[in-house]
Amino acid sequence: MNDMSEGIDPNAAPSGTGCVECLATGRWWFHLRRCAKCGHIGCCDTSPNQHATAHFRETGHFVMTSFEPGEDWFWNYRTEKPFYGPQLAAPRSRPLDQACPGPEGRVPADWEDQLNE
């Protein structure tokens, strides 16, 4: 990927352990994604609010990675292709004891019906 240095800052720490916007607005998420440029944590496109993609659209930060335990793939929004990238600043995923979907206490009983397919 020619623009990797433009799209990734391996030293940028994650913004937290959950979707920034969902936490601020009292909403919930399915899976989490991390901006590889600034560390912003947003929810995936399967989540009702799709904040990771919204972050890309608002900032132009075009590389994100999974923030789920055991996943190490990256996604380039410009090429719409996955790839494997460098190690980023820790932590590399949400805490293992953090609920998925989450956050605990905000996930509705019919959460599966609310996912974007």
N, C-alpha and C. Protein backbone atom coordinates (compact mmCIF):
# COMPACT_ATOMS: atom_id res chain seq x y z
N MET A 1 0.85 -1.18 0.00
CA MET A 1 0.00 0.00 0.00
C MET A 1 0.89 1.23 0.00
N ASN A 2 0.86 2.02 -1.02
CA ASN A 2 1.73 3.17 -1.17
C ASN A 2 1.47 4.28 -0.17
N ASP A 3 0.22 4.45 0.25
CA ASP A 3 -0.13 5.55 1.14
C ASP A 3 -0.21 5.14 2.61
N MET A 4 0.45 4.02 2.96
CA MET A 4 0.37 3.54 4.34
C MET A 4 0.86 4.57 5.34
N SER A 5 1.97 5.24 5.05
CA SER A 5 2.50 6.21 6.01
C SER A 5 1.54 7.39 6.19
N GLU A 6 0.78 7.71 5.16
CA GLU A 6 -0.22 8.78 5.25
C GLU A 6 -1.43 8.35 6.08
N GLY A 7 -1.79 7.08 6.01
CA GLY A 7 -3.01 6.61 6.64
C GLY A 7 -2.84 5.97 8.00
N ILE A 8 -1.60 5.73 8.44
CA ILE A 8 -1.37 5.03 9.69
C ILE A 8 -0.36 5.76 10.55
N ASP A 9 -0.68 5.94 11.81
CA ASP A 9 0.27 6.42 12.81
C ASP A 9 0.36 5.34 13.88
N PRO A 10 1.40 4.52 13.85
CA PRO A 10 1.49 3.40 14.79
C PRO A 10 1.58 3.83 16.25
N ASN A 11 1.87 5.09 16.51
CA ASN A 11 2.00 5.58 17.88
C ASN A 11 0.71 6.18 18.44
N ALA A 12 -0.32 6.33 17.61
CA ALA A 12 -1.58 6.92 18.08
C ALA A 12 -2.30 5.93 19.00
N ALA A 13 -2.54 6.34 20.22
CA ALA A 13 -3.22 5.49 21.20
C ALA A 13 -4.72 5.47 20.94
N PRO A 14 -5.40 4.38 21.28
CA PRO A 14 -6.85 4.33 21.13
C PRO A 14 -7.53 5.40 21.99
N SER A 15 -8.66 5.89 21.51
CA SER A 15 -9.38 6.95 22.22
C SER A 15 -10.12 6.44 23.45
N GLY A 16 -10.16 5.13 23.64
CA GLY A 16 -10.84 4.53 24.78
C GLY A 16 -11.09 3.07 24.50
N THR A 17 -12.06 2.50 25.19
CA THR A 17 -12.35 1.07 25.01
C THR A 17 -13.70 0.83 24.34
N GLY A 18 -14.41 1.90 23.99
CA GLY A 18 -15.71 1.78 23.34
C GLY A 18 -15.90 2.86 22.30
N CYS A 19 -16.97 2.75 21.54
CA CYS A 19 -17.29 3.74 20.51
C CYS A 19 -17.50 5.11 21.16
N VAL A 20 -16.71 6.07 20.76
CA VAL A 20 -16.75 7.40 21.35
C VAL A 20 -18.15 8.01 21.26
N GLU A 21 -18.74 7.96 20.07
CA GLU A 21 -20.05 8.60 19.86
C GLU A 21 -21.17 7.84 20.57
N CYS A 22 -21.13 6.52 20.54
CA CYS A 22 -22.16 5.74 21.24
C CYS A 22 -22.12 6.00 22.74
N LEU A 23 -20.93 6.06 23.30
CA LEU A 23 -20.80 6.33 24.73
C LEU A 23 -21.34 7.71 25.07
N ALA A 24 -21.06 8.69 24.20
CA ALA A 24 -21.50 10.07 24.45
C ALA A 24 -23.00 10.25 24.32
N THR A 25 -23.64 9.41 23.50
CA THR A 25 -25.07 9.59 23.22
C THR A 25 -25.96 8.53 23.86
N GLY A 26 -25.37 7.63 24.64
CA GLY A 26 -26.17 6.61 25.31
C GLY A 26 -26.59 5.46 24.42
N ARG A 27 -25.89 5.27 23.32
CA ARG A 27 -26.25 4.20 22.38
C ARG A 27 -25.38 2.97 22.60
N TRP A 28 -25.53 1.98 21.72
CA TRP A 28 -24.80 0.72 21.85
C TRP A 28 -24.16 0.37 20.50
N TRP A 29 -23.23 -0.60 20.54
CA TRP A 29 -22.51 -1.04 19.34
C TRP A 29 -22.45 -2.55 19.27
N PHE A 30 -22.11 -3.05 18.08
CA PHE A 30 -21.90 -4.48 17.87
C PHE A 30 -20.40 -4.77 17.96
N HIS A 31 -19.62 -4.39 16.97
CA HIS A 31 -18.17 -4.55 17.00
C HIS A 31 -17.50 -3.19 16.90
N LEU A 32 -16.25 -3.15 17.35
CA LEU A 32 -15.52 -1.89 17.39
C LEU A 32 -14.41 -1.85 16.34
N ARG A 33 -14.16 -0.63 15.84
CA ARG A 33 -13.10 -0.38 14.88
C ARG A 33 -12.26 0.78 15.38
N ARG A 34 -10.98 0.75 15.00
CA ARG A 34 -10.01 1.76 15.46
C ARG A 34 -9.41 2.47 14.25
N CYS A 35 -9.43 3.79 14.27
CA CYS A 35 -8.79 4.57 13.22
C CYS A 35 -7.28 4.39 13.37
N ALA A 36 -6.62 3.97 12.30
CA ALA A 36 -5.18 3.73 12.35
C ALA A 36 -4.38 5.03 12.30
N LYS A 37 -5.02 6.14 12.01
CA LYS A 37 -4.34 7.44 11.96
C LYS A 37 -4.36 8.15 13.31
N CYS A 38 -5.54 8.19 13.97
CA CYS A 38 -5.64 8.99 15.20
C CYS A 38 -6.07 8.18 16.42
N GLY A 39 -6.46 6.91 16.24
CA GLY A 39 -6.86 6.08 17.36
C GLY A 39 -8.33 6.15 17.74
N HIS A 40 -9.12 6.93 17.03
CA HIS A 40 -10.55 7.05 17.32
C HIS A 40 -11.21 5.68 17.28
N ILE A 41 -11.98 5.36 18.31
CA ILE A 41 -12.73 4.10 18.34
C ILE A 41 -14.17 4.39 17.95
N GLY A 42 -14.63 3.67 16.93
CA GLY A 42 -16.00 3.81 16.44
C GLY A 42 -16.62 2.43 16.26
N CYS A 43 -17.91 2.40 16.07
CA CYS A 43 -18.60 1.12 15.88
C CYS A 43 -18.61 0.73 14.40
N CYS A 44 -18.70 -0.56 14.16
CA CYS A 44 -18.63 -1.13 12.81
C CYS A 44 -19.88 -0.82 11.99
N ASP A 45 -19.82 -1.14 10.71
CA ASP A 45 -20.96 -0.89 9.83
C ASP A 45 -22.15 -1.80 10.09
N THR A 46 -21.96 -2.89 10.80
CA THR A 46 -23.08 -3.74 11.19
C THR A 46 -23.83 -3.11 12.36
N SER A 47 -23.16 -2.27 13.13
CA SER A 47 -23.79 -1.56 14.25
C SER A 47 -24.82 -0.57 13.73
N PRO A 48 -25.83 -0.26 14.53
CA PRO A 48 -26.88 0.67 14.07
C PRO A 48 -26.37 2.04 13.63
N ASN A 49 -25.29 2.54 14.25
CA ASN A 49 -24.88 3.92 13.99
C ASN A 49 -23.64 4.09 13.11
N GLN A 50 -22.90 3.05 12.85
CA GLN A 50 -21.79 3.05 11.89
C GLN A 50 -20.83 4.23 12.08
N HIS A 51 -20.38 4.43 13.31
CA HIS A 51 -19.54 5.58 13.62
C HIS A 51 -18.12 5.49 13.07
N ALA A 52 -17.57 4.30 12.84
CA ALA A 52 -16.22 4.20 12.27
C ALA A 52 -16.21 4.77 10.85
N THR A 53 -17.19 4.39 10.05
CA THR A 53 -17.28 4.92 8.69
C THR A 53 -17.59 6.41 8.70
N ALA A 54 -18.42 6.84 9.63
CA ALA A 54 -18.71 8.28 9.76
C ALA A 54 -17.42 9.05 10.08
N HIS A 55 -16.56 8.47 10.91
CA HIS A 55 -15.28 9.12 11.24
C HIS A 55 -14.44 9.28 9.98
N PHE A 56 -14.38 8.25 9.15
CA PHE A 56 -13.66 8.35 7.87
C PHE A 56 -14.23 9.47 7.02
N ARG A 57 -15.53 9.53 6.89
CA ARG A 57 -16.16 10.56 6.05
C ARG A 57 -15.91 11.97 6.57
N GLU A 58 -15.89 12.12 7.89
CA GLU A 58 -15.69 13.44 8.50
C GLU A 58 -14.24 13.89 8.49
N THR A 59 -13.30 12.94 8.63
CA THR A 59 -11.89 13.31 8.79
C THR A 59 -11.02 12.99 7.58
N GLY A 60 -11.45 12.04 6.75
CA GLY A 60 -10.59 11.59 5.66
C GLY A 60 -9.57 10.55 6.10
N HIS A 61 -9.59 10.17 7.37
CA HIS A 61 -8.70 9.11 7.87
C HIS A 61 -9.19 7.80 7.27
N PHE A 62 -8.46 7.26 6.32
CA PHE A 62 -8.98 6.20 5.47
C PHE A 62 -8.56 4.78 5.83
N VAL A 63 -7.78 4.61 6.88
CA VAL A 63 -7.39 3.26 7.30
C VAL A 63 -7.93 3.00 8.69
N MET A 64 -8.60 1.87 8.84
CA MET A 64 -9.06 1.46 10.16
C MET A 64 -8.70 -0.01 10.36
N THR A 65 -8.75 -0.41 11.61
CA THR A 65 -8.46 -1.80 11.95
C THR A 65 -9.49 -2.28 12.96
N SER A 66 -9.61 -3.57 13.06
CA SER A 66 -10.52 -4.13 14.05
C SER A 66 -10.01 -3.81 15.45
N PHE A 67 -10.92 -3.56 16.36
CA PHE A 67 -10.58 -3.36 17.78
C PHE A 67 -11.20 -4.49 18.60
N GLU A 68 -11.37 -5.64 17.93
CA GLU A 68 -11.91 -6.83 18.57
C GLU A 68 -10.77 -7.78 18.94
N PRO A 69 -10.86 -8.44 20.09
CA PRO A 69 -9.80 -9.38 20.51
C PRO A 69 -9.57 -10.47 19.45
N GLY A 70 -8.31 -10.73 19.17
CA GLY A 70 -7.93 -11.80 18.25
C GLY A 70 -8.00 -11.44 16.77
N GLU A 71 -8.41 -10.23 16.44
CA GLU A 71 -8.49 -9.81 15.04
C GLU A 71 -7.37 -8.81 14.75
N ASP A 72 -6.68 -8.99 13.62
CA ASP A 72 -5.55 -8.11 13.31
C ASP A 72 -5.59 -7.56 11.89
N TRP A 73 -6.76 -7.53 11.27
CA TRP A 73 -6.88 -7.03 9.91
C TRP A 73 -7.11 -5.51 9.89
N PHE A 74 -6.75 -4.92 8.78
CA PHE A 74 -6.95 -3.49 8.52
C PHE A 74 -7.89 -3.36 7.32
N TRP A 75 -8.49 -2.17 7.17
CA TRP A 75 -9.36 -1.88 6.03
C TRP A 75 -8.99 -0.52 5.49
N ASN A 76 -8.85 -0.44 4.15
CA ASN A 76 -8.57 0.82 3.48
C ASN A 76 -9.88 1.29 2.83
N TYR A 77 -10.44 2.39 3.33
CA TYR A 77 -11.69 2.91 2.78
C TYR A 77 -11.51 3.39 1.34
N ARG A 78 -10.31 3.85 0.96
CA ARG A 78 -10.09 4.35 -0.40
C ARG A 78 -10.15 3.21 -1.43
N THR A 79 -9.50 2.11 -1.11
CA THR A 79 -9.46 0.98 -2.05
C THR A 79 -10.57 -0.02 -1.80
N GLU A 80 -11.22 0.09 -0.63
CA GLU A 80 -12.24 -0.86 -0.17
C GLU A 80 -11.69 -2.28 -0.15
N LYS A 81 -10.46 -2.41 0.36
CA LYS A 81 -9.82 -3.72 0.45
C LYS A 81 -9.18 -3.90 1.82
N PRO A 82 -9.21 -5.14 2.32
CA PRO A 82 -8.53 -5.44 3.59
C PRO A 82 -7.04 -5.67 3.35
N PHE A 83 -6.26 -5.55 4.42
CA PHE A 83 -4.84 -5.85 4.36
C PHE A 83 -4.34 -6.07 5.78
N TYR A 84 -3.14 -6.57 5.92
CA TYR A 84 -2.51 -6.72 7.23
C TYR A 84 -1.48 -5.62 7.38
N GLY A 85 -1.54 -4.91 8.50
CA GLY A 85 -0.69 -3.76 8.70
C GLY A 85 0.23 -3.93 9.90
N PRO A 86 0.86 -2.83 10.31
CA PRO A 86 1.82 -2.86 11.40
C PRO A 86 1.16 -2.96 12.77
N GLN A 87 1.95 -3.27 13.76
CA GLN A 87 1.47 -3.24 15.15
C GLN A 87 1.21 -1.79 15.53
N LEU A 88 0.09 -1.55 16.18
CA LEU A 88 -0.26 -0.22 16.65
C LEU A 88 -0.05 -0.13 18.16
N ALA A 89 -0.06 1.08 18.66
CA ALA A 89 0.11 1.30 20.10
C ALA A 89 -0.95 0.53 20.88
N ALA A 90 -0.56 0.00 22.01
CA ALA A 90 -1.47 -0.76 22.87
C ALA A 90 -2.46 0.17 23.55
N PRO A 91 -3.62 -0.35 23.91
CA PRO A 91 -4.10 -1.71 23.67
C PRO A 91 -4.57 -1.88 22.24
N ARG A 92 -4.51 -3.12 21.75
CA ARG A 92 -4.86 -3.42 20.37
C ARG A 92 -6.29 -3.91 20.21
N SER A 93 -7.01 -4.05 21.33
CA SER A 93 -8.41 -4.46 21.26
C SER A 93 -9.13 -3.99 22.52
N ARG A 94 -10.45 -4.11 22.45
CA ARG A 94 -11.25 -3.82 23.64
C ARG A 94 -10.87 -4.84 24.70
N PRO A 95 -11.12 -4.56 25.97
CA PRO A 95 -10.83 -5.54 27.03
C PRO A 95 -11.61 -6.83 26.82
N LEU A 96 -11.01 -7.94 27.14
CA LEU A 96 -11.65 -9.25 26.98
C LEU A 96 -12.93 -9.36 27.80
N ASP A 97 -12.99 -8.69 28.94
CA ASP A 97 -14.18 -8.79 29.79
C ASP A 97 -15.27 -7.77 29.43
N GLN A 98 -15.04 -6.99 28.39
CA GLN A 98 -16.04 -6.01 27.94
C GLN A 98 -17.06 -6.72 27.05
N ALA A 99 -18.33 -6.49 27.31
CA ALA A 99 -19.40 -7.16 26.58
C ALA A 99 -19.38 -6.83 25.09
N CYS A 100 -19.81 -7.80 24.29
CA CYS A 100 -19.99 -7.61 22.86
C CYS A 100 -21.28 -8.32 22.47
N PRO A 101 -22.30 -7.60 22.02
CA PRO A 101 -22.31 -6.15 21.84
C PRO A 101 -22.24 -5.42 23.17
N GLY A 102 -22.01 -4.14 23.07
CA GLY A 102 -21.84 -3.37 24.29
C GLY A 102 -22.31 -1.93 24.09
N PRO A 103 -22.15 -1.12 25.11
CA PRO A 103 -21.68 -1.49 26.43
C PRO A 103 -22.78 -2.18 27.24
N GLU A 104 -22.35 -2.92 28.21
CA GLU A 104 -23.28 -3.65 29.07
C GLU A 104 -24.30 -2.68 29.64
N GLY A 105 -25.55 -3.09 29.65
CA GLY A 105 -26.63 -2.27 30.20
C GLY A 105 -27.33 -1.41 29.17
N ARG A 106 -26.76 -1.26 27.97
CA ARG A 106 -27.38 -0.44 26.93
C ARG A 106 -27.88 -1.24 25.74
N VAL A 107 -27.54 -2.50 25.69
CA VAL A 107 -27.89 -3.31 24.53
C VAL A 107 -29.34 -3.78 24.66
N PRO A 108 -30.20 -3.44 23.69
CA PRO A 108 -31.60 -3.84 23.79
C PRO A 108 -31.79 -5.33 23.60
N ALA A 109 -32.87 -5.86 24.12
CA ALA A 109 -33.16 -7.29 24.01
C ALA A 109 -33.27 -7.74 22.56
N ASP A 110 -33.74 -6.86 21.68
CA ASP A 110 -33.89 -7.20 20.26
C ASP A 110 -32.71 -6.71 19.41
N TRP A 111 -31.53 -6.65 20.00
CA TRP A 111 -30.37 -6.07 19.31
C TRP A 111 -30.08 -6.72 17.96
N GLU A 112 -30.29 -8.02 17.84
CA GLU A 112 -30.00 -8.69 16.57
C GLU A 112 -30.90 -8.18 15.44
N ASP A 113 -32.11 -7.77 15.77
CA ASP A 113 -33.03 -7.22 14.77
C ASP A 113 -32.61 -5.82 14.32
N GLN A 114 -31.76 -5.16 15.09
CA GLN A 114 -31.35 -3.79 14.79
C GLN A 114 -30.01 -3.70 14.03
N LEU A 115 -29.37 -4.83 13.78
CA LEU A 115 -28.10 -4.82 13.07
C LEU A 115 -28.28 -4.51 11.59
N ASN A 116 -27.29 -3.86 11.02
CA ASN A 116 -27.27 -3.61 9.58
C ASN A 116 -26.63 -4.80 8.91
N GLU A 117 -27.29 -5.36 7.96
CA GLU A 117 -26.76 -6.55 7.28
C GLU A 117 -26.14 -6.18 5.96
